[in-house]
Amino acid sequence: MRSDEESDFVDFMTSTTARFFRFAYLLTGDPHEAEELLQDAYVAVYGKWPHVQKEYEPSSYMYTTLRRKFINGRTVGFRRFEKITDRLPEVADEDHDISRLLDHDEVMNLLGALSEKQRYVVVARYFAGLKVREVAIAMSTSEGNVVQLTARAYRLMRAVAEREGGHDE
């Protein structure tokens, strides 16, 4: 990789780390696993950076890479045994403090009830602000499937919230 391309990648990484960490944290529910997921994704993007920079919008490519790493798993079976808890992790860095977004315990509990694909769709659409089309591209699926996954995720989250007595609508 040429030095100007490397410099562009470092600039990209520096300017997007906080945003992508928050995204990865909402996907994984664990700050350490979020850091690992983000690192794995940046390593993958770095290896293809000249191509990514020429052929894609880098942030979109990063969302796709995070999705693939999260759903397919970095290590076979690693996430299969995780249990997302309702405890707020200690946070040493304000950039990594996701708790200021919403009621942390409730959000993490609701997200923890979802499948990995449903969780990705909800986090991508409503926490990262991606459009249905952008999520569909990142997931290599149709827009209709994204809408369907979102609807199923909402039904499940609503059922969990009602079962736990958190919401009456």
N, C-alpha and C. Protein backbone atom coordinates (compact mmCIF):
# COMPACT_ATOMS: atom_id res chain seq x y z
N MET A 1 0.84 -1.17 0.00
CA MET A 1 0.00 0.00 0.00
C MET A 1 0.89 1.24 0.00
N ARG A 2 0.52 2.20 -0.82
CA ARG A 2 1.28 3.45 -0.89
C ARG A 2 1.06 4.27 0.39
N SER A 3 2.01 5.15 0.67
CA SER A 3 1.93 5.93 1.91
C SER A 3 0.71 6.85 1.94
N ASP A 4 0.31 7.40 0.78
CA ASP A 4 -0.87 8.26 0.77
C ASP A 4 -2.14 7.45 1.05
N GLU A 5 -2.19 6.20 0.56
CA GLU A 5 -3.34 5.34 0.85
C GLU A 5 -3.37 4.97 2.33
N GLU A 6 -2.19 4.67 2.86
CA GLU A 6 -2.10 4.34 4.29
C GLU A 6 -2.54 5.53 5.13
N SER A 7 -2.13 6.72 4.75
CA SER A 7 -2.52 7.93 5.47
C SER A 7 -4.04 8.13 5.40
N ASP A 8 -4.62 7.88 4.23
CA ASP A 8 -6.08 7.99 4.08
C ASP A 8 -6.80 6.99 4.98
N PHE A 9 -6.27 5.77 5.07
CA PHE A 9 -6.89 4.77 5.94
C PHE A 9 -6.80 5.21 7.40
N VAL A 10 -5.65 5.70 7.82
CA VAL A 10 -5.49 6.15 9.21
C VAL A 10 -6.47 7.28 9.49
N ASP A 11 -6.63 8.21 8.56
CA ASP A 11 -7.59 9.30 8.73
C ASP A 11 -9.01 8.75 8.85
N PHE A 12 -9.36 7.79 7.98
CA PHE A 12 -10.68 7.16 8.03
C PHE A 12 -10.90 6.50 9.39
N MET A 13 -9.94 5.71 9.81
CA MET A 13 -10.06 4.98 11.07
C MET A 13 -10.19 5.95 12.24
N THR A 14 -9.36 6.97 12.26
CA THR A 14 -9.38 7.94 13.35
C THR A 14 -10.72 8.67 13.43
N SER A 15 -11.25 9.01 12.29
CA SER A 15 -12.50 9.79 12.29
C SER A 15 -13.75 8.94 12.50
N THR A 16 -13.65 7.63 12.39
CA THR A 16 -14.84 6.78 12.51
C THR A 16 -14.84 5.84 13.71
N THR A 17 -13.75 5.76 14.44
CA THR A 17 -13.65 4.77 15.52
C THR A 17 -14.75 4.91 16.56
N ALA A 18 -15.02 6.09 17.05
CA ALA A 18 -16.04 6.26 18.09
C ALA A 18 -17.41 5.81 17.57
N ARG A 19 -17.77 6.22 16.37
CA ARG A 19 -19.07 5.85 15.80
C ARG A 19 -19.18 4.35 15.61
N PHE A 20 -18.14 3.73 15.05
CA PHE A 20 -18.20 2.29 14.81
C PHE A 20 -18.07 1.49 16.11
N PHE A 21 -17.39 2.04 17.11
CA PHE A 21 -17.35 1.35 18.40
C PHE A 21 -18.75 1.29 19.00
N ARG A 22 -19.46 2.42 18.99
CA ARG A 22 -20.83 2.43 19.53
C ARG A 22 -21.69 1.41 18.81
N PHE A 23 -21.55 1.36 17.49
CA PHE A 23 -22.31 0.41 16.68
C PHE A 23 -21.95 -1.02 17.09
N ALA A 24 -20.68 -1.34 17.17
CA ALA A 24 -20.22 -2.69 17.54
C ALA A 24 -20.66 -3.04 18.96
N TYR A 25 -20.64 -2.06 19.86
CA TYR A 25 -21.06 -2.31 21.23
C TYR A 25 -22.53 -2.69 21.29
N LEU A 26 -23.36 -1.98 20.54
CA LEU A 26 -24.78 -2.31 20.53
C LEU A 26 -25.01 -3.69 19.92
N LEU A 27 -24.19 -4.09 18.98
CA LEU A 27 -24.31 -5.43 18.40
C LEU A 27 -23.91 -6.51 19.39
N THR A 28 -22.79 -6.31 20.06
CA THR A 28 -22.24 -7.37 20.90
C THR A 28 -22.72 -7.32 22.34
N GLY A 29 -23.01 -6.14 22.85
CA GLY A 29 -23.42 -5.99 24.24
C GLY A 29 -22.26 -6.04 25.22
N ASP A 30 -21.05 -6.09 24.72
CA ASP A 30 -19.87 -6.20 25.58
C ASP A 30 -18.78 -5.28 25.03
N PRO A 31 -18.22 -4.39 25.85
CA PRO A 31 -17.23 -3.45 25.32
C PRO A 31 -15.96 -4.13 24.80
N HIS A 32 -15.55 -5.21 25.45
CA HIS A 32 -14.33 -5.90 25.00
C HIS A 32 -14.56 -6.63 23.69
N GLU A 33 -15.71 -7.28 23.58
CA GLU A 33 -16.03 -7.96 22.33
C GLU A 33 -16.25 -6.94 21.21
N ALA A 34 -16.82 -5.79 21.55
CA ALA A 34 -17.00 -4.72 20.56
C ALA A 34 -15.66 -4.25 20.02
N GLU A 35 -14.68 -4.09 20.92
CA GLU A 35 -13.35 -3.68 20.49
C GLU A 35 -12.73 -4.73 19.57
N GLU A 36 -12.91 -6.02 19.90
CA GLU A 36 -12.37 -7.08 19.06
C GLU A 36 -13.05 -7.10 17.69
N LEU A 37 -14.38 -6.96 17.69
CA LEU A 37 -15.12 -6.93 16.44
C LEU A 37 -14.67 -5.77 15.58
N LEU A 38 -14.53 -4.61 16.19
CA LEU A 38 -14.10 -3.42 15.45
C LEU A 38 -12.69 -3.59 14.92
N GLN A 39 -11.80 -4.12 15.74
CA GLN A 39 -10.42 -4.34 15.29
C GLN A 39 -10.39 -5.31 14.12
N ASP A 40 -11.12 -6.41 14.22
CA ASP A 40 -11.17 -7.39 13.12
C ASP A 40 -11.68 -6.75 11.83
N ALA A 41 -12.71 -5.91 11.97
CA ALA A 41 -13.27 -5.25 10.79
C ALA A 41 -12.28 -4.27 10.18
N TYR A 42 -11.61 -3.47 11.01
CA TYR A 42 -10.61 -2.53 10.48
C TYR A 42 -9.46 -3.28 9.80
N VAL A 43 -9.03 -4.39 10.36
CA VAL A 43 -7.96 -5.18 9.74
C VAL A 43 -8.40 -5.67 8.37
N ALA A 44 -9.64 -6.15 8.28
CA ALA A 44 -10.16 -6.63 6.99
C ALA A 44 -10.24 -5.50 5.97
N VAL A 45 -10.73 -4.35 6.40
CA VAL A 45 -10.85 -3.20 5.48
C VAL A 45 -9.47 -2.70 5.08
N TYR A 46 -8.54 -2.66 6.01
CA TYR A 46 -7.18 -2.22 5.72
C TYR A 46 -6.56 -3.07 4.60
N GLY A 47 -6.77 -4.37 4.66
CA GLY A 47 -6.20 -5.27 3.66
C GLY A 47 -6.72 -5.02 2.26
N LYS A 48 -7.88 -4.38 2.16
CA LYS A 48 -8.49 -4.10 0.85
C LYS A 48 -8.64 -2.60 0.61
N TRP A 49 -7.97 -1.78 1.40
CA TRP A 49 -8.20 -0.34 1.38
C TRP A 49 -8.09 0.30 -0.01
N PRO A 50 -7.05 0.04 -0.80
CA PRO A 50 -7.00 0.70 -2.11
C PRO A 50 -8.25 0.40 -2.96
N HIS A 51 -8.71 -0.84 -2.91
CA HIS A 51 -9.92 -1.24 -3.65
C HIS A 51 -11.16 -0.60 -3.03
N VAL A 52 -11.25 -0.63 -1.72
CA VAL A 52 -12.41 -0.06 -1.01
C VAL A 52 -12.53 1.43 -1.34
N GLN A 53 -11.41 2.12 -1.29
CA GLN A 53 -11.41 3.56 -1.51
C GLN A 53 -11.85 3.91 -2.94
N LYS A 54 -11.48 3.07 -3.90
CA LYS A 54 -11.82 3.35 -5.30
C LYS A 54 -13.23 2.91 -5.67
N GLU A 55 -13.68 1.79 -5.13
CA GLU A 55 -14.92 1.16 -5.59
C GLU A 55 -16.13 1.36 -4.68
N TYR A 56 -15.94 1.76 -3.44
CA TYR A 56 -17.03 1.81 -2.47
C TYR A 56 -16.99 3.10 -1.68
N GLU A 57 -18.07 3.35 -0.96
CA GLU A 57 -18.09 4.40 0.05
C GLU A 57 -17.54 3.72 1.30
N PRO A 58 -16.39 4.14 1.83
CA PRO A 58 -15.73 3.41 2.91
C PRO A 58 -16.59 3.12 4.14
N SER A 59 -17.43 4.06 4.57
CA SER A 59 -18.27 3.80 5.75
C SER A 59 -19.26 2.68 5.47
N SER A 60 -19.85 2.67 4.28
CA SER A 60 -20.78 1.60 3.92
C SER A 60 -20.07 0.26 3.90
N TYR A 61 -18.87 0.24 3.36
CA TYR A 61 -18.10 -1.00 3.32
C TYR A 61 -17.77 -1.47 4.73
N MET A 62 -17.50 -0.53 5.63
CA MET A 62 -17.20 -0.87 7.02
C MET A 62 -18.43 -1.47 7.70
N TYR A 63 -19.62 -0.90 7.46
CA TYR A 63 -20.84 -1.48 8.04
C TYR A 63 -21.04 -2.91 7.53
N THR A 64 -20.78 -3.13 6.25
CA THR A 64 -20.91 -4.47 5.69
C THR A 64 -19.92 -5.42 6.35
N THR A 65 -18.70 -4.97 6.53
CA THR A 65 -17.67 -5.79 7.15
C THR A 65 -18.03 -6.10 8.60
N LEU A 66 -18.50 -5.12 9.34
CA LEU A 66 -18.93 -5.36 10.72
C LEU A 66 -20.08 -6.38 10.75
N ARG A 67 -21.01 -6.24 9.84
CA ARG A 67 -22.13 -7.19 9.78
C ARG A 67 -21.63 -8.60 9.54
N ARG A 68 -20.76 -8.76 8.57
CA ARG A 68 -20.25 -10.10 8.26
C ARG A 68 -19.47 -10.68 9.44
N LYS A 69 -18.64 -9.88 10.04
CA LYS A 69 -17.86 -10.36 11.18
C LYS A 69 -18.77 -10.71 12.36
N PHE A 70 -19.79 -9.91 12.58
CA PHE A 70 -20.69 -10.15 13.70
C PHE A 70 -21.57 -11.38 13.47
N ILE A 71 -22.23 -11.44 12.33
CA ILE A 71 -23.18 -12.52 12.08
C ILE A 71 -22.46 -13.85 11.84
N ASN A 72 -21.39 -13.82 11.09
CA ASN A 72 -20.67 -15.06 10.79
C ASN A 72 -19.76 -15.49 11.93
N GLY A 73 -19.45 -14.58 12.81
CA GLY A 73 -18.59 -14.90 13.95
C GLY A 73 -17.13 -14.91 13.57
N ARG A 74 -16.33 -14.32 14.43
CA ARG A 74 -14.89 -14.31 14.18
C ARG A 74 -14.28 -15.64 14.56
N THR A 75 -14.86 -16.27 15.58
CA THR A 75 -14.40 -17.58 16.03
C THR A 75 -15.62 -18.47 16.09
N VAL A 76 -15.56 -19.62 15.51
CA VAL A 76 -16.71 -20.50 15.46
C VAL A 76 -17.24 -20.76 16.87
N GLY A 77 -18.52 -20.47 17.05
CA GLY A 77 -19.17 -20.75 18.31
C GLY A 77 -18.89 -19.76 19.44
N PHE A 78 -18.05 -18.76 19.23
CA PHE A 78 -17.67 -17.85 20.31
C PHE A 78 -18.89 -17.17 20.94
N ARG A 79 -19.75 -16.59 20.10
CA ARG A 79 -20.89 -15.86 20.62
C ARG A 79 -22.03 -16.77 21.06
N ARG A 80 -21.97 -18.01 20.72
CA ARG A 80 -23.07 -18.91 21.05
C ARG A 80 -23.27 -19.05 22.56
N PHE A 81 -22.23 -18.81 23.36
CA PHE A 81 -22.32 -19.01 24.79
C PHE A 81 -22.34 -17.71 25.57
N GLU A 82 -22.38 -16.58 24.89
CA GLU A 82 -22.39 -15.33 25.61
C GLU A 82 -23.75 -15.08 26.23
N LYS A 83 -23.76 -14.38 27.32
CA LYS A 83 -25.00 -13.96 27.95
C LYS A 83 -24.90 -12.46 28.14
N ILE A 84 -25.81 -11.76 27.50
CA ILE A 84 -25.82 -10.31 27.63
C ILE A 84 -26.50 -9.98 28.94
N THR A 85 -25.85 -9.18 29.75
CA THR A 85 -26.38 -8.84 31.06
C THR A 85 -26.93 -7.43 31.05
N ASP A 86 -27.61 -7.10 32.12
CA ASP A 86 -28.18 -5.77 32.22
C ASP A 86 -27.31 -4.82 33.02
N ARG A 87 -26.08 -5.22 33.30
CA ARG A 87 -25.15 -4.37 34.04
C ARG A 87 -24.41 -3.44 33.09
N LEU A 88 -24.34 -2.20 33.46
CA LEU A 88 -23.60 -1.21 32.68
C LEU A 88 -22.11 -1.44 32.91
N PRO A 89 -21.32 -1.61 31.85
CA PRO A 89 -19.89 -1.82 32.05
C PRO A 89 -19.21 -0.53 32.52
N GLU A 90 -18.10 -0.71 33.19
CA GLU A 90 -17.31 0.47 33.55
C GLU A 90 -16.73 1.03 32.27
N VAL A 91 -16.78 2.33 32.14
CA VAL A 91 -16.31 2.97 30.92
C VAL A 91 -15.27 4.02 31.28
N ALA A 92 -14.10 3.88 30.70
CA ALA A 92 -13.01 4.79 31.02
C ALA A 92 -12.94 5.96 30.06
N ASP A 93 -13.60 5.86 28.93
CA ASP A 93 -13.44 6.83 27.86
C ASP A 93 -14.82 7.32 27.42
N GLU A 94 -15.04 8.62 27.39
CA GLU A 94 -16.33 9.16 27.03
C GLU A 94 -16.77 8.75 25.63
N ASP A 95 -15.83 8.60 24.69
CA ASP A 95 -16.19 8.18 23.33
C ASP A 95 -16.84 6.81 23.32
N HIS A 96 -16.54 5.99 24.32
CA HIS A 96 -17.08 4.65 24.37
C HIS A 96 -18.28 4.55 25.32
N ASP A 97 -18.80 5.65 25.82
CA ASP A 97 -19.89 5.62 26.78
C ASP A 97 -21.23 5.60 26.06
N ILE A 98 -21.72 4.42 25.79
CA ILE A 98 -22.98 4.22 25.08
C ILE A 98 -24.18 4.52 25.98
N SER A 99 -23.97 4.52 27.29
CA SER A 99 -25.08 4.66 28.23
C SER A 99 -25.83 5.98 28.09
N ARG A 100 -25.20 6.97 27.53
CA ARG A 100 -25.87 8.26 27.42
C ARG A 100 -26.91 8.28 26.30
N LEU A 101 -26.96 7.24 25.48
CA LEU A 101 -27.92 7.20 24.39
C LEU A 101 -29.35 7.02 24.87
N LEU A 102 -29.58 6.03 25.68
CA LEU A 102 -30.92 5.67 26.15
C LEU A 102 -30.79 4.97 27.49
N ASP A 103 -31.90 4.47 28.00
CA ASP A 103 -31.85 3.66 29.21
C ASP A 103 -31.10 2.38 28.88
N HIS A 104 -29.86 2.34 29.28
CA HIS A 104 -28.93 1.28 28.90
C HIS A 104 -29.46 -0.12 29.21
N ASP A 105 -29.91 -0.33 30.43
CA ASP A 105 -30.34 -1.66 30.84
C ASP A 105 -31.49 -2.16 29.98
N GLU A 106 -32.45 -1.31 29.74
CA GLU A 106 -33.61 -1.71 28.96
C GLU A 106 -33.22 -1.99 27.50
N VAL A 107 -32.43 -1.11 26.93
CA VAL A 107 -32.03 -1.29 25.53
C VAL A 107 -31.23 -2.58 25.36
N MET A 108 -30.26 -2.81 26.23
CA MET A 108 -29.42 -4.01 26.09
C MET A 108 -30.23 -5.27 26.33
N ASN A 109 -31.19 -5.23 27.23
CA ASN A 109 -32.04 -6.38 27.47
C ASN A 109 -32.89 -6.69 26.23
N LEU A 110 -33.47 -5.67 25.64
CA LEU A 110 -34.30 -5.86 24.45
C LEU A 110 -33.46 -6.34 23.27
N LEU A 111 -32.29 -5.73 23.06
CA LEU A 111 -31.42 -6.16 21.97
C LEU A 111 -30.93 -7.59 22.19
N GLY A 112 -30.71 -7.95 23.44
CA GLY A 112 -30.23 -9.29 23.77
C GLY A 112 -31.23 -10.39 23.45
N ALA A 113 -32.51 -10.03 23.31
CA ALA A 113 -33.55 -11.01 23.00
C ALA A 113 -33.60 -11.33 21.50
N LEU A 114 -32.90 -10.56 20.69
CA LEU A 114 -32.99 -10.70 19.23
C LEU A 114 -31.94 -11.66 18.68
N SER A 115 -32.23 -12.21 17.50
CA SER A 115 -31.22 -12.98 16.78
C SER A 115 -30.14 -12.01 16.30
N GLU A 116 -29.02 -12.53 15.87
CA GLU A 116 -27.93 -11.65 15.41
C GLU A 116 -28.36 -10.80 14.22
N LYS A 117 -29.11 -11.37 13.28
CA LYS A 117 -29.55 -10.59 12.11
C LYS A 117 -30.55 -9.52 12.52
N GLN A 118 -31.50 -9.88 13.38
CA GLN A 118 -32.47 -8.89 13.85
C GLN A 118 -31.77 -7.76 14.60
N ARG A 119 -30.84 -8.13 15.43
CA ARG A 119 -30.10 -7.13 16.21
C ARG A 119 -29.33 -6.20 15.29
N TYR A 120 -28.69 -6.76 14.27
CA TYR A 120 -27.95 -5.93 13.31
C TYR A 120 -28.88 -4.93 12.64
N VAL A 121 -30.04 -5.40 12.20
CA VAL A 121 -30.98 -4.52 11.49
C VAL A 121 -31.44 -3.39 12.40
N VAL A 122 -31.82 -3.70 13.62
CA VAL A 122 -32.30 -2.67 14.55
C VAL A 122 -31.19 -1.66 14.86
N VAL A 123 -30.00 -2.15 15.15
CA VAL A 123 -28.89 -1.25 15.48
C VAL A 123 -28.52 -0.40 14.26
N ALA A 124 -28.45 -1.02 13.10
CA ALA A 124 -28.09 -0.28 11.88
C ALA A 124 -29.12 0.79 11.54
N ARG A 125 -30.40 0.41 11.63
CA ARG A 125 -31.45 1.35 11.24
C ARG A 125 -31.64 2.48 12.25
N TYR A 126 -31.70 2.14 13.52
CA TYR A 126 -32.16 3.12 14.50
C TYR A 126 -31.09 3.69 15.40
N PHE A 127 -29.93 3.08 15.46
CA PHE A 127 -28.85 3.67 16.25
C PHE A 127 -27.79 4.28 15.33
N ALA A 128 -27.54 3.64 14.18
CA ALA A 128 -26.58 4.19 13.23
C ALA A 128 -27.27 5.07 12.19
N GLY A 129 -28.59 4.98 12.09
CA GLY A 129 -29.33 5.84 11.17
C GLY A 129 -29.23 5.47 9.70
N LEU A 130 -28.92 4.20 9.42
CA LEU A 130 -28.83 3.77 8.02
C LEU A 130 -30.22 3.60 7.43
N LYS A 131 -30.33 3.86 6.15
CA LYS A 131 -31.58 3.67 5.43
C LYS A 131 -31.78 2.18 5.13
N VAL A 132 -33.03 1.79 4.87
CA VAL A 132 -33.34 0.39 4.56
C VAL A 132 -32.45 -0.10 3.43
N ARG A 133 -32.28 0.70 2.40
CA ARG A 133 -31.45 0.32 1.25
C ARG A 133 -30.00 0.06 1.67
N GLU A 134 -29.45 0.92 2.53
CA GLU A 134 -28.07 0.76 2.99
C GLU A 134 -27.90 -0.52 3.81
N VAL A 135 -28.89 -0.82 4.65
CA VAL A 135 -28.83 -2.04 5.45
C VAL A 135 -28.93 -3.26 4.54
N ALA A 136 -29.81 -3.19 3.55
CA ALA A 136 -29.96 -4.30 2.60
C ALA A 136 -28.65 -4.57 1.86
N ILE A 137 -27.97 -3.52 1.45
CA ILE A 137 -26.68 -3.68 0.76
C ILE A 137 -25.66 -4.30 1.72
N ALA A 138 -25.61 -3.79 2.94
CA ALA A 138 -24.65 -4.31 3.92
C ALA A 138 -24.90 -5.78 4.23
N MET A 139 -26.17 -6.19 4.19
CA MET A 139 -26.51 -7.57 4.51
C MET A 139 -26.60 -8.47 3.28
N SER A 140 -26.41 -7.90 2.11
CA SER A 140 -26.55 -8.66 0.85
C SER A 140 -27.91 -9.34 0.78
N THR A 141 -28.94 -8.55 1.03
CA THR A 141 -30.30 -9.06 1.00
C THR A 141 -31.22 -8.01 0.39
N SER A 142 -32.50 -8.33 0.30
CA SER A 142 -33.45 -7.39 -0.28
C SER A 142 -33.93 -6.39 0.76
N GLU A 143 -34.44 -5.27 0.28
CA GLU A 143 -35.01 -4.27 1.18
C GLU A 143 -36.22 -4.86 1.91
N GLY A 144 -36.99 -5.69 1.21
CA GLY A 144 -38.14 -6.33 1.83
C GLY A 144 -37.74 -7.21 3.00
N ASN A 145 -36.62 -7.90 2.87
CA ASN A 145 -36.14 -8.74 3.97
C ASN A 145 -35.73 -7.89 5.16
N VAL A 146 -35.13 -6.74 4.91
CA VAL A 146 -34.75 -5.84 6.00
C VAL A 146 -36.00 -5.37 6.73
N VAL A 147 -37.02 -4.99 5.98
CA VAL A 147 -38.27 -4.53 6.59
C VAL A 147 -38.90 -5.66 7.41
N GLN A 148 -38.88 -6.87 6.86
CA GLN A 148 -39.45 -8.02 7.56
C GLN A 148 -38.67 -8.34 8.84
N LEU A 149 -37.34 -8.33 8.78
CA LEU A 149 -36.53 -8.56 9.97
C LEU A 149 -36.79 -7.50 11.03
N THR A 150 -36.94 -6.25 10.59
CA THR A 150 -37.22 -5.16 11.52
C THR A 150 -38.56 -5.36 12.21
N ALA A 151 -39.58 -5.72 11.43
CA ALA A 151 -40.92 -5.94 12.00
C ALA A 151 -40.90 -7.08 13.01
N ARG A 152 -40.23 -8.17 12.67
CA ARG A 152 -40.14 -9.30 13.60
C ARG A 152 -39.38 -8.90 14.87
N ALA A 153 -38.32 -8.14 14.70
CA ALA A 153 -37.55 -7.69 15.86
C ALA A 153 -38.41 -6.82 16.77
N TYR A 154 -39.19 -5.91 16.19
CA TYR A 154 -40.06 -5.05 16.99
C TYR A 154 -41.10 -5.86 17.74
N ARG A 155 -41.70 -6.84 17.07
CA ARG A 155 -42.70 -7.68 17.75
C ARG A 155 -42.06 -8.40 18.94
N LEU A 156 -40.87 -8.93 18.73
CA LEU A 156 -40.18 -9.64 19.80
C LEU A 156 -39.80 -8.70 20.94
N MET A 157 -39.26 -7.53 20.61
CA MET A 157 -38.89 -6.57 21.65
C MET A 157 -40.12 -6.10 22.42
N ARG A 158 -41.23 -5.88 21.73
CA ARG A 158 -42.47 -5.47 22.38
C ARG A 158 -42.95 -6.57 23.34
N ALA A 159 -42.89 -7.83 22.91
CA ALA A 159 -43.30 -8.95 23.75
C ALA A 159 -42.42 -9.04 25.00
N VAL A 160 -41.12 -8.88 24.82
CA VAL A 160 -40.20 -8.92 25.97
C VAL A 160 -40.50 -7.78 26.93
N ALA A 161 -40.70 -6.59 26.40
CA ALA A 161 -40.99 -5.43 27.24
C ALA A 161 -42.31 -5.62 28.00
N GLU A 162 -43.31 -6.14 27.33
CA GLU A 162 -44.60 -6.37 28.00
C GLU A 162 -44.50 -7.47 29.04
N ARG A 163 -43.76 -8.53 28.72
CA ARG A 163 -43.60 -9.64 29.65
C ARG A 163 -42.89 -9.17 30.93
N GLU A 164 -41.97 -8.26 30.78
CA GLU A 164 -41.22 -7.77 31.94
C GLU A 164 -41.92 -6.58 32.59
N GLY A 165 -43.10 -6.23 32.07
CA GLY A 165 -43.87 -5.17 32.69
C GLY A 165 -43.34 -3.78 32.46
N GLY A 166 -42.47 -3.64 31.45
CA GLY A 166 -41.84 -2.35 31.21
C GLY A 166 -42.67 -1.37 30.43
N HIS A 167 -43.59 -1.85 29.60
CA HIS A 167 -44.33 -0.95 28.72
C HIS A 167 -45.76 -1.41 28.56
N ASP A 168 -46.66 -0.48 28.54
CA ASP A 168 -48.06 -0.76 28.19
C ASP A 168 -48.42 0.19 27.07
N GLU A 169 -48.70 -0.36 25.89
CA GLU A 169 -49.07 0.50 24.77
C GLU A 169 -50.40 0.07 24.23
